[in-house]
Amino acid sequence: MRLTILQTGVVPISLSDRFPSYPEMFRAMFERDGARFDYEVIKVADGEPIPDAKSCEAVVITGSSAGVYETHPWLPPLRDFIRSAYTARTKMIGICFGHQVIADALGGEVRKSEKGWGLGRHTYEVLPFRPHFDLPRASLSIACSHQDQVIAPPREARVILRSQFAPNAGLAYENGAAMSFQPHPEFDDAYSRALITLREGRASQDVIDAANASMCQPSDSPLLVRAMSRFLAA
């Protein structure tokens, strides 16, 4: 299967000499799970043209520092692609910004949350969605880094991950071919810790301290990745 990664953001410049790109993180994530995809990367935020959704076998939309409410020239074509992919039932997964922009394109509401920064390892309640999201755990602890949130999901979306901080942290769509998540299963712990450090002075010290402490929890990212792999391959 060919997996098209729509790259909508980059690793912060101050960290780029220490960590791989977002597409490389996703590739390593799936390879650790044993998934075998052929990859193509479209640098959407650099203006590279987005392919016809019907020509794609499966799609992942990455995270980004951009907000869906901003005026980047690449956002309208990305929204058009998402709507076309949804209609064509092209397999599609969004992570963080990808989660938000899919919701935005399909009629949901996304904005910067009054709750502030979500950082570190957050724990989410799992609401099973058979057959592709029937996990053996009642909750998952996964790294996150965001201020924006899906405030109101699209009408055709069902919540499959939630927390008090992010009530719409995972969505599965009625067409059976789209799924998205606010946390970052592709981030390793070193990168997550580096992002926490990078937010010092932007997030409150209480949030920074809690985020650093949360990283002592074991990561459940492999369980989410396994569900994502099954979903894409089904």
Protein backbone atom coordinates (compact mmCIF):
# COMPACT_ATOMS: atom_id res chain seq x y z
CA MET A 1 0.00 0.00 0.00
CA ARG A 2 1.18 3.50 -0.81
CA LEU A 3 0.87 5.90 2.13
CA THR A 4 0.77 9.57 1.18
CA ILE A 5 1.99 11.82 3.99
CA LEU A 6 0.69 15.36 3.70
CA GLN A 7 3.34 17.34 5.59
CA THR A 8 1.80 20.51 6.99
CA GLY A 9 4.52 21.51 9.46
CA VAL A 10 8.18 21.13 10.36
CA VAL A 11 10.23 20.39 13.45
CA PRO A 12 11.12 23.72 15.13
CA ILE A 13 14.42 25.11 13.82
CA SER A 14 16.03 24.96 17.26
CA LEU A 15 15.38 21.19 17.38
CA SER A 16 15.85 20.26 13.71
CA ASP A 17 19.50 19.24 14.11
CA ARG A 18 18.57 16.72 16.81
CA PHE A 19 15.37 15.15 15.53
CA PRO A 20 14.05 13.74 12.24
CA SER A 21 11.33 15.36 10.16
CA TYR A 22 7.65 14.62 10.83
CA PRO A 23 7.34 12.28 7.81
CA GLU A 24 10.41 10.38 9.04
CA MET A 25 8.82 10.10 12.49
CA PHE A 26 5.68 8.58 10.97
CA ARG A 27 7.68 6.17 8.85
CA ALA A 28 9.68 5.00 11.88
CA MET A 29 6.47 4.73 13.91
CA PHE A 30 4.78 2.42 11.40
CA GLU A 31 7.95 0.39 10.84
CA ARG A 32 8.24 -0.26 14.59
CA ASP A 33 4.70 -1.62 14.42
CA GLY A 34 5.66 -3.91 11.54
CA ALA A 35 3.51 -2.11 8.97
CA ARG A 36 4.90 -2.12 5.44
CA PHE A 37 3.97 0.87 3.32
CA ASP A 38 5.46 2.59 0.31
CA TYR A 39 5.74 6.26 1.19
CA GLU A 40 5.34 9.51 -0.67
CA VAL A 41 5.62 12.89 1.03
CA ILE A 42 3.83 16.01 -0.14
CA LYS A 43 5.13 19.21 1.47
CA VAL A 44 1.78 20.93 1.55
CA ALA A 45 2.93 23.94 3.57
CA ASP A 46 5.70 24.56 0.99
CA GLY A 47 3.12 24.80 -1.77
CA GLU A 48 3.65 21.38 -3.32
CA PRO A 49 0.51 20.35 -5.22
CA ILE A 50 -1.79 17.93 -3.44
CA PRO A 51 -2.70 14.86 -5.52
CA ASP A 52 -6.22 13.90 -6.51
CA ALA A 53 -7.78 12.15 -3.51
CA LYS A 54 -9.03 9.31 -5.74
CA SER A 55 -5.44 8.51 -6.74
CA CYS A 56 -4.34 8.04 -3.11
CA GLU A 57 -4.54 4.66 -1.41
CA ALA A 58 -4.14 6.02 2.14
CA VAL A 59 -3.29 9.40 3.64
CA VAL A 60 -1.80 10.77 6.86
CA ILE A 61 -1.99 14.51 7.62
CA THR A 62 0.74 15.63 10.02
CA GLY A 63 0.91 18.13 12.83
CA SER A 64 1.75 21.78 12.29
CA SER A 65 2.29 25.00 14.20
CA ALA A 66 -0.38 26.56 11.96
CA GLY A 67 -3.98 27.06 13.02
CA VAL A 68 -6.91 26.08 10.83
CA TYR A 69 -8.34 29.60 11.38
CA GLU A 70 -5.26 31.23 9.80
CA THR A 71 -5.02 32.42 6.19
CA HIS A 72 -2.26 30.28 4.67
CA PRO A 73 -2.71 29.82 0.90
CA TRP A 74 -2.31 26.05 1.21
CA LEU A 75 -5.26 25.63 3.57
CA PRO A 76 -8.17 25.92 1.06
CA PRO A 77 -6.66 23.26 -1.26
CA LEU A 78 -6.08 21.01 1.75
CA ARG A 79 -9.70 21.40 2.85
CA ASP A 80 -10.85 20.59 -0.69
CA PHE A 81 -8.67 17.47 -0.68
CA ILE A 82 -10.10 16.35 2.68
CA ARG A 83 -13.68 16.72 1.45
CA SER A 84 -12.85 14.86 -1.78
CA ALA A 85 -11.06 12.09 0.14
CA TYR A 86 -14.02 11.76 2.48
CA THR A 87 -16.45 11.44 -0.43
CA ALA A 88 -14.19 8.95 -2.20
CA ARG A 89 -13.74 6.99 1.07
CA THR A 90 -9.96 7.23 0.76
CA LYS A 91 -8.39 6.01 4.00
CA MET A 92 -7.33 9.12 5.94
CA ILE A 93 -5.76 9.73 9.35
CA GLY A 94 -5.03 13.13 10.88
CA ILE A 95 -2.76 13.82 13.85
CA CYS A 96 -2.93 17.02 15.95
CA PHE A 97 -3.28 19.75 13.29
CA GLY A 98 -4.34 16.97 10.91
CA HIS A 99 -7.06 16.01 13.39
CA GLN A 100 -8.19 19.61 13.59
CA VAL A 101 -8.16 20.38 9.87
CA ILE A 102 -10.19 17.28 9.00
CA ALA A 103 -12.80 18.35 11.54
CA ASP A 104 -12.71 21.92 10.23
CA ALA A 105 -13.08 20.85 6.59
CA LEU A 106 -16.04 18.60 7.39
CA GLY A 107 -18.01 21.16 9.37
CA GLY A 108 -16.61 21.08 12.90
CA GLU A 109 -15.37 23.97 15.04
CA VAL A 110 -11.70 24.40 15.92
CA ARG A 111 -10.13 27.21 17.93
CA LYS A 112 -7.45 28.01 20.46
CA SER A 113 -8.73 26.60 23.74
CA GLU A 114 -9.16 28.72 26.83
CA LYS A 115 -7.62 25.77 28.72
CA GLY A 116 -4.20 26.72 27.36
CA TRP A 117 -1.34 24.38 26.54
CA GLY A 118 -1.68 20.63 26.49
CA LEU A 119 1.83 19.28 27.04
CA GLY A 120 3.44 16.04 28.13
CA ARG A 121 1.76 12.68 28.42
CA HIS A 122 -2.01 13.01 28.71
CA THR A 123 -4.34 10.13 29.49
CA TYR A 124 -7.44 9.66 27.34
CA GLU A 125 -10.52 7.53 27.87
CA VAL A 126 -11.09 5.04 25.04
CA LEU A 127 -14.57 4.76 23.55
CA PRO A 128 -14.42 1.65 21.33
CA PHE A 129 -15.50 1.91 17.71
CA ARG A 130 -15.64 -1.48 16.05
CA PRO A 131 -14.03 -2.97 14.09
CA HIS A 132 -11.09 -0.58 13.73
CA PHE A 133 -10.84 0.93 17.20
CA ASP A 134 -11.61 -1.86 19.64
CA LEU A 135 -8.62 -1.58 22.00
CA PRO A 136 -7.78 -3.83 24.97
CA ARG A 137 -7.45 -0.82 27.29
CA ALA A 138 -9.96 1.58 28.83
CA SER A 139 -7.48 4.45 28.54
CA LEU A 140 -4.33 5.45 26.66
CA SER A 141 -1.48 7.72 27.80
CA ILE A 142 0.11 9.48 24.83
CA ALA A 143 2.23 12.60 24.35
CA CYS A 144 0.59 15.80 23.17
CA SER A 145 1.61 19.36 22.36
CA HIS A 146 -1.16 21.79 21.42
CA GLN A 147 -3.25 24.82 22.26
CA ASP A 148 -5.92 24.46 19.55
CA GLN A 149 -8.69 21.91 19.97
CA VAL A 150 -11.70 20.52 18.15
CA ILE A 151 -14.41 22.28 20.13
CA ALA A 152 -17.39 20.83 18.23
CA PRO A 153 -16.92 17.72 16.05
CA PRO A 154 -18.56 17.46 12.63
CA ARG A 155 -22.00 15.87 12.60
CA GLU A 156 -20.65 12.68 11.02
CA ALA A 157 -17.89 12.21 13.61
CA ARG A 158 -18.01 10.02 16.69
CA VAL A 159 -15.71 10.64 19.69
CA ILE A 160 -13.36 7.70 20.34
CA LEU A 161 -10.78 9.35 22.63
CA ARG A 162 -11.53 11.98 25.25
CA SER A 163 -10.21 13.62 28.39
CA GLN A 164 -11.31 16.48 30.59
CA PHE A 165 -8.72 18.66 28.91
CA ALA A 166 -9.56 17.54 25.36
CA PRO A 167 -13.12 16.14 25.16
CA ASN A 168 -12.83 15.51 21.38
CA ALA A 169 -9.31 14.08 21.26
CA GLY A 170 -10.11 11.22 18.88
CA LEU A 171 -12.74 11.06 16.15
CA ALA A 172 -13.97 8.30 13.84
CA TYR A 173 -16.15 9.22 10.88
CA GLU A 174 -19.32 7.63 9.58
CA ASN A 175 -17.89 6.92 6.14
CA GLY A 176 -15.63 4.31 7.77
CA ALA A 177 -12.52 5.70 6.08
CA ALA A 178 -11.44 8.66 8.24
CA MET A 179 -10.03 8.74 11.75
CA SER A 180 -8.08 11.41 13.62
CA PHE A 181 -6.34 12.03 16.95
CA GLN A 182 -5.17 15.05 18.92
CA PRO A 183 -2.14 13.38 20.64
CA HIS A 184 1.09 12.41 18.88
CA PRO A 185 1.86 8.67 18.76
CA GLU A 186 4.74 9.43 16.36
CA PHE A 187 6.67 11.48 18.97
CA ASP A 188 9.34 9.68 20.96
CA ASP A 189 9.95 10.69 24.56
CA ALA A 190 13.09 12.70 23.79
CA TYR A 191 11.24 14.87 21.30
CA SER A 192 8.24 15.29 23.62
CA ARG A 193 10.55 16.43 26.43
CA ALA A 194 12.32 18.83 24.07
CA LEU A 195 8.98 20.40 23.11
CA ILE A 196 8.11 20.89 26.78
CA THR A 197 11.39 22.73 27.28
CA LEU A 198 10.69 24.80 24.18
CA ARG A 199 7.39 25.99 25.68
CA GLU A 200 9.04 27.41 28.80
CA GLY A 201 8.05 31.07 29.02
CA ARG A 202 5.00 30.48 26.83
CA ALA A 203 3.15 28.05 29.08
CA SER A 204 2.89 28.59 32.84
CA GLN A 205 5.50 26.98 35.05
CA ASP A 206 2.79 24.82 36.64
CA VAL A 207 1.94 23.41 33.21
CA ILE A 208 5.62 22.85 32.40
CA ASP A 209 6.25 21.08 35.71
CA ALA A 210 3.17 18.86 35.30
CA ALA A 211 4.15 18.04 31.72
CA ASN A 212 7.66 16.98 32.74
CA ALA A 213 6.28 14.85 35.58
CA SER A 214 3.77 13.20 33.24
CA MET A 215 6.55 11.87 31.02
CA CYS A 216 7.37 9.33 33.75
CA GLN A 217 4.18 7.45 32.80
CA PRO A 218 4.67 4.62 30.31
CA SER A 219 3.64 5.44 26.78
CA ASP A 220 0.67 3.65 25.20
CA SER A 221 1.52 4.94 21.72
CA PRO A 222 2.16 1.41 20.36
CA LEU A 223 -1.49 0.47 21.04
CA LEU A 224 -2.75 3.48 19.11
CA VAL A 225 -0.29 2.85 16.27
CA ARG A 226 -1.46 -0.77 16.02
CA ALA A 227 -5.05 0.45 15.65
CA MET A 228 -3.99 2.98 13.02
CA SER A 229 -2.08 0.34 11.04
CA ARG A 230 -5.05 -2.03 11.08
CA PHE A 231 -7.35 0.78 9.99
CA LEU A 232 -5.16 1.78 7.05
CA ALA A 233 -4.61 -1.80 5.90
CA ALA A 234 -8.25 -2.92 6.19
